[in-house]
Amino acid sequence: MELSKEKLLFKSPKEVIKTIKNAGGYSFLAHPSAYENGEITELMELSAFLHI
C-alpha cells in the first residue's frame, strides 16, 4: 500500500474562531480533545478557548 505524500494543513483554533466571529458567526467547541500526547488536557488550557 502506497502512502500519500500530501499533508493536511489546519489553521489554529484561535485563527478559526476569530475568522468565524469576524464573519458575524458563533463558534462552538463541541468536543475538545480530552487527551494530548497521552495526557489529560488541563482545564486551564481548555478554558483558554473562552477568551478567544
PDB file of N, CA and C in Angstrom:
ATOM      1  N   MET A   1       0.838  -1.177   0.000  1.00  0.00           N
ATOM      2  CA  MET A   1       0.000   0.000   0.000  1.00  0.00           C
ATOM      3  C   MET A   1       0.883   1.241   0.000  1.00  0.00           C
ATOM      4  N   GLU A   2       0.649   2.139  -0.940  1.00  0.00           N
ATOM      5  CA  GLU A   2       1.446   3.353  -1.043  1.00  0.00           C
ATOM      6  C   GLU A   2       0.782   4.471  -0.235  1.00  0.00           C
ATOM      7  N   LEU A   3       1.558   5.134   0.601  1.00  0.00           N
ATOM      8  CA  LEU A   3       1.046   6.234   1.406  1.00  0.00           C
ATOM      9  C   LEU A   3       1.129   7.534   0.627  1.00  0.00           C
ATOM     10  N   SER A   4       0.139   8.381   0.819  1.00  0.00           N
ATOM     11  CA  SER A   4       0.113   9.675   0.156  1.00  0.00           C
ATOM     12  C   SER A   4       1.166  10.588   0.770  1.00  0.00           C
ATOM     13  N   LYS A   5       1.770  11.414  -0.058  1.00  0.00           N
ATOM     14  CA  LYS A   5       2.753  12.379   0.438  1.00  0.00           C
ATOM     15  C   LYS A   5       2.104  13.736   0.699  1.00  0.00           C
ATOM     16  N   GLU A   6       0.787  13.803   0.501  1.00  0.00           N
ATOM     17  CA  GLU A   6       0.069  15.050   0.762  1.00  0.00           C
ATOM     18  C   GLU A   6      -0.038  15.279   2.256  1.00  0.00           C
ATOM     19  N   LYS A   7      -0.040  16.535   2.647  1.00  0.00           N
ATOM     20  CA  LYS A   7      -0.181  16.892   4.050  1.00  0.00           C
ATOM     21  C   LYS A   7      -1.425  17.753   4.209  1.00  0.00           C
ATOM     22  N   LEU A   8      -2.137  17.557   5.294  1.00  0.00           N
ATOM     23  CA  LEU A   8      -3.278  18.402   5.602  1.00  0.00           C
ATOM     24  C   LEU A   8      -2.796  19.553   6.467  1.00  0.00           C
ATOM     25  N   LEU A   9      -3.187  20.748   6.123  1.00  0.00           N
ATOM     26  CA  LEU A   9      -2.802  21.919   6.891  1.00  0.00           C
ATOM     27  C   LEU A   9      -4.054  22.522   7.505  1.00  0.00           C
ATOM     28  N   PHE A  10      -4.064  22.598   8.813  1.00  0.00           N
ATOM     29  CA  PHE A  10      -5.203  23.157   9.521  1.00  0.00           C
ATOM     30  C   PHE A  10      -4.800  24.465  10.176  1.00  0.00           C
ATOM     31  N   LYS A  11      -5.715  25.393  10.181  1.00  0.00           N
ATOM     32  CA  LYS A  11      -5.491  26.650  10.892  1.00  0.00           C
ATOM     33  C   LYS A  11      -5.613  26.376  12.387  1.00  0.00           C
ATOM     34  N   SER A  12      -5.017  27.235  13.199  1.00  0.00           N
ATOM     35  CA  SER A  12      -5.123  27.071  14.645  1.00  0.00           C
ATOM     36  C   SER A  12      -6.553  27.367  15.078  1.00  0.00           C
ATOM     37  N   PRO A  13      -7.012  26.759  16.186  1.00  0.00           N
ATOM     38  CA  PRO A  13      -8.359  27.066  16.680  1.00  0.00           C
ATOM     39  C   PRO A  13      -8.559  28.560  16.895  1.00  0.00           C
ATOM     40  N   LYS A  14      -7.538  29.246  17.393  1.00  0.00           N
ATOM     41  CA  LYS A  14      -7.647  30.689  17.638  1.00  0.00           C
ATOM     42  C   LYS A  14      -7.957  31.429  16.340  1.00  0.00           C
ATOM     43  N   GLU A  15      -7.251  31.097  15.274  1.00  0.00           N
ATOM     44  CA  GLU A  15      -7.455  31.763  13.991  1.00  0.00           C
ATOM     45  C   GLU A  15      -8.838  31.449  13.422  1.00  0.00           C
ATOM     46  N   VAL A  16      -9.269  30.211  13.543  1.00  0.00           N
ATOM     47  CA  VAL A  16     -10.580  29.812  13.030  1.00  0.00           C
ATOM     48  C   VAL A  16     -11.693  30.529  13.793  1.00  0.00           C
ATOM     49  N   ILE A  17     -11.586  30.578  15.124  1.00  0.00           N
ATOM     50  CA  ILE A  17     -12.613  31.236  15.938  1.00  0.00           C
ATOM     51  C   ILE A  17     -12.697  32.720  15.605  1.00  0.00           C
ATOM     52  N   LYS A  18     -11.555  33.375  15.440  1.00  0.00           N
ATOM     53  CA  LYS A  18     -11.559  34.799  15.092  1.00  0.00           C
ATOM     54  C   LYS A  18     -12.182  35.029  13.717  1.00  0.00           C
ATOM     55  N   THR A  19     -11.909  34.162  12.763  1.00  0.00           N
ATOM     56  CA  THR A  19     -12.490  34.281  11.431  1.00  0.00           C
ATOM     57  C   THR A  19     -14.012  34.145  11.494  1.00  0.00           C
ATOM     58  N   ILE A  20     -14.486  33.178  12.259  1.00  0.00           N
ATOM     59  CA  ILE A  20     -15.931  32.974  12.413  1.00  0.00           C
ATOM     60  C   ILE A  20     -16.575  34.197  13.055  1.00  0.00           C
ATOM     61  N   LYS A  21     -15.964  34.721  14.127  1.00  0.00           N
ATOM     62  CA  LYS A  21     -16.509  35.898  14.811  1.00  0.00           C
ATOM     63  C   LYS A  21     -16.501  37.119  13.901  1.00  0.00           C
ATOM     64  N   ASN A  22     -15.440  37.313  13.131  1.00  0.00           N
ATOM     65  CA  ASN A  22     -15.359  38.452  12.209  1.00  0.00           C
ATOM     66  C   ASN A  22     -16.429  38.389  11.130  1.00  0.00           C
ATOM     67  N   ALA A  23     -16.891  37.172  10.827  1.00  0.00           N
ATOM     68  CA  ALA A  23     -17.941  36.999   9.829  1.00  0.00           C
ATOM     69  C   ALA A  23     -19.328  37.099  10.460  1.00  0.00           C
ATOM     70  N   GLY A  24     -19.372  37.380  11.773  1.00  0.00           N
ATOM     71  CA  GLY A  24     -20.661  37.521  12.451  1.00  0.00           C
ATOM     72  C   GLY A  24     -21.230  36.209  12.950  1.00  0.00           C
ATOM     73  N   GLY A  25     -20.433  35.164  12.923  1.00  0.00           N
ATOM     74  CA  GLY A  25     -20.917  33.853  13.346  1.00  0.00           C
ATOM     75  C   GLY A  25     -20.562  33.529  14.786  1.00  0.00           C
ATOM     76  N   TYR A  26     -20.983  32.371  15.208  1.00  0.00           N
ATOM     77  CA  TYR A  26     -20.699  31.862  16.546  1.00  0.00           C
ATOM     78  C   TYR A  26     -19.949  30.552  16.418  1.00  0.00           C
ATOM     79  N   SER A  27     -18.966  30.373  17.255  1.00  0.00           N
ATOM     80  CA  SER A  27     -18.214  29.118  17.232  1.00  0.00           C
ATOM     81  C   SER A  27     -18.520  28.326  18.490  1.00  0.00           C
ATOM     82  N   PHE A  28     -18.523  27.023  18.356  1.00  0.00           N
ATOM     83  CA  PHE A  28     -18.775  26.123  19.476  1.00  0.00           C
ATOM     84  C   PHE A  28     -17.692  25.066  19.499  1.00  0.00           C
ATOM     85  N   LEU A  29     -17.071  24.901  20.621  1.00  0.00           N
ATOM     86  CA  LEU A  29     -16.070  23.853  20.798  1.00  0.00           C
ATOM     87  C   LEU A  29     -16.829  22.619  21.266  1.00  0.00           C
ATOM     88  N   ALA A  30     -17.262  21.824  20.303  1.00  0.00           N
ATOM     89  CA  ALA A  30     -18.183  20.729  20.579  1.00  0.00           C
ATOM     90  C   ALA A  30     -17.539  19.551  21.290  1.00  0.00           C
ATOM     91  N   HIS A  31     -16.358  19.207  20.922  1.00  0.00           N
ATOM     92  CA  HIS A  31     -15.717  18.053  21.551  1.00  0.00           C
ATOM     93  C   HIS A  31     -14.201  18.259  21.557  1.00  0.00           C
ATOM     94  N   PRO A  32     -13.722  19.032  22.527  1.00  0.00           N
ATOM     95  CA  PRO A  32     -12.273  19.245  22.608  1.00  0.00           C
ATOM     96  C   PRO A  32     -11.564  17.932  22.908  1.00  0.00           C
ATOM     97  N   SER A  33     -10.375  17.864  22.495  1.00  0.00           N
ATOM     98  CA  SER A  33      -9.587  16.670  22.755  1.00  0.00           C
ATOM     99  C   SER A  33      -9.417  16.489  24.257  1.00  0.00           C
ATOM    100  N   ALA A  34      -9.773  15.324  24.749  1.00  0.00           N
ATOM    101  CA  ALA A  34      -9.618  15.052  26.175  1.00  0.00           C
ATOM    102  C   ALA A  34      -8.175  14.671  26.487  1.00  0.00           C
ATOM    103  N   TYR A  35      -7.481  14.198  25.480  1.00  0.00           N
ATOM    104  CA  TYR A  35      -6.111  13.747  25.680  1.00  0.00           C
ATOM    105  C   TYR A  35      -5.187  14.398  24.662  1.00  0.00           C
ATOM    106  N   GLU A  36      -4.006  14.724  25.091  1.00  0.00           N
ATOM    107  CA  GLU A  36      -2.991  15.283  24.214  1.00  0.00           C
ATOM    108  C   GLU A  36      -1.690  14.578  24.528  1.00  0.00           C
ATOM    109  N   ASN A  37      -1.147  13.895  23.564  1.00  0.00           N
ATOM    110  CA  ASN A  37       0.089  13.120  23.763  1.00  0.00           C
ATOM    111  C   ASN A  37      -0.043  12.151  24.931  1.00  0.00           C
ATOM    112  N   GLY A  38      -1.233  11.545  25.080  1.00  0.00           N
ATOM    113  CA  GLY A  38      -1.433  10.557  26.120  1.00  0.00           C
ATOM    114  C   GLY A  38      -1.729  11.135  27.490  1.00  0.00           C
ATOM    115  N   GLU A  39      -1.769  12.450  27.609  1.00  0.00           N
ATOM    116  CA  GLU A  39      -2.035  13.099  28.898  1.00  0.00           C
ATOM    117  C   GLU A  39      -3.401  13.780  28.850  1.00  0.00           C
ATOM    118  N   ILE A  40      -4.056  13.854  29.984  1.00  0.00           N
ATOM    119  CA  ILE A  40      -5.344  14.546  30.066  1.00  0.00           C
ATOM    120  C   ILE A  40      -5.098  16.042  29.885  1.00  0.00           C
ATOM    121  N   THR A  41      -5.895  16.667  29.024  1.00  0.00           N
ATOM    122  CA  THR A  41      -5.754  18.097  28.760  1.00  0.00           C
ATOM    123  C   THR A  41      -6.145  18.887  30.001  1.00  0.00           C
ATOM    124  N   GLU A  42      -5.326  19.857  30.335  1.00  0.00           N
ATOM    125  CA  GLU A  42      -5.556  20.684  31.519  1.00  0.00           C
ATOM    126  C   GLU A  42      -6.788  21.569  31.334  1.00  0.00           C
ATOM    127  N   LEU A  43      -7.546  21.749  32.404  1.00  0.00           N
ATOM    128  CA  LEU A  43      -8.727  22.603  32.376  1.00  0.00           C
ATOM    129  C   LEU A  43      -8.354  24.031  31.988  1.00  0.00           C
ATOM    130  N   MET A  44      -7.204  24.515  32.464  1.00  0.00           N
ATOM    131  CA  MET A  44      -6.765  25.869  32.124  1.00  0.00           C
ATOM    132  C   MET A  44      -6.581  26.006  30.614  1.00  0.00           C
ATOM    133  N   GLU A  45      -6.050  24.971  29.983  1.00  0.00           N
ATOM    134  CA  GLU A  45      -5.831  25.018  28.545  1.00  0.00           C
ATOM    135  C   GLU A  45      -7.166  25.053  27.794  1.00  0.00           C
ATOM    136  N   LEU A  46      -8.121  24.242  28.236  1.00  0.00           N
ATOM    137  CA  LEU A  46      -9.423  24.231  27.587  1.00  0.00           C
ATOM    138  C   LEU A  46     -10.168  25.547  27.820  1.00  0.00           C
ATOM    139  N   SER A  47     -10.048  26.122  29.001  1.00  0.00           N
ATOM    140  CA  SER A  47     -10.757  27.360  29.299  1.00  0.00           C
ATOM    141  C   SER A  47     -10.192  28.538  28.512  1.00  0.00           C
ATOM    142  N   ALA A  48      -8.991  28.400  27.975  1.00  0.00           N
ATOM    143  CA  ALA A  48      -8.401  29.467  27.161  1.00  0.00           C
ATOM    144  C   ALA A  48      -9.261  29.761  25.932  1.00  0.00           C
ATOM    145  N   PHE A  49      -9.994  28.767  25.452  1.00  0.00           N
ATOM    146  CA  PHE A  49     -10.855  28.970  24.287  1.00  0.00           C
ATOM    147  C   PHE A  49     -11.991  29.942  24.593  1.00  0.00           C
ATOM    148  N   LEU A  50     -12.360  30.090  25.848  1.00  0.00           N
ATOM    149  CA  LEU A  50     -13.436  31.002  26.229  1.00  0.00           C
ATOM    150  C   LEU A  50     -13.066  32.455  25.962  1.00  0.00           C
ATOM    151  N   HIS A  51     -11.782  32.757  25.947  1.00  0.00           N
ATOM    152  CA  HIS A  51     -11.329  34.132  25.843  1.00  0.00           C
ATOM    153  C   HIS A  51     -10.891  34.517  24.441  1.00  0.00           C
ATOM    154  N   ILE A  52     -11.094  33.651  23.500  1.00  0.00           N
ATOM    155  CA  ILE A  52     -10.706  33.946  22.104  1.00  0.00           C
ATOM    156  C   ILE A  52     -11.831  34.708  21.438  1.00  0.00           C
TER     157      ILE A  52
END
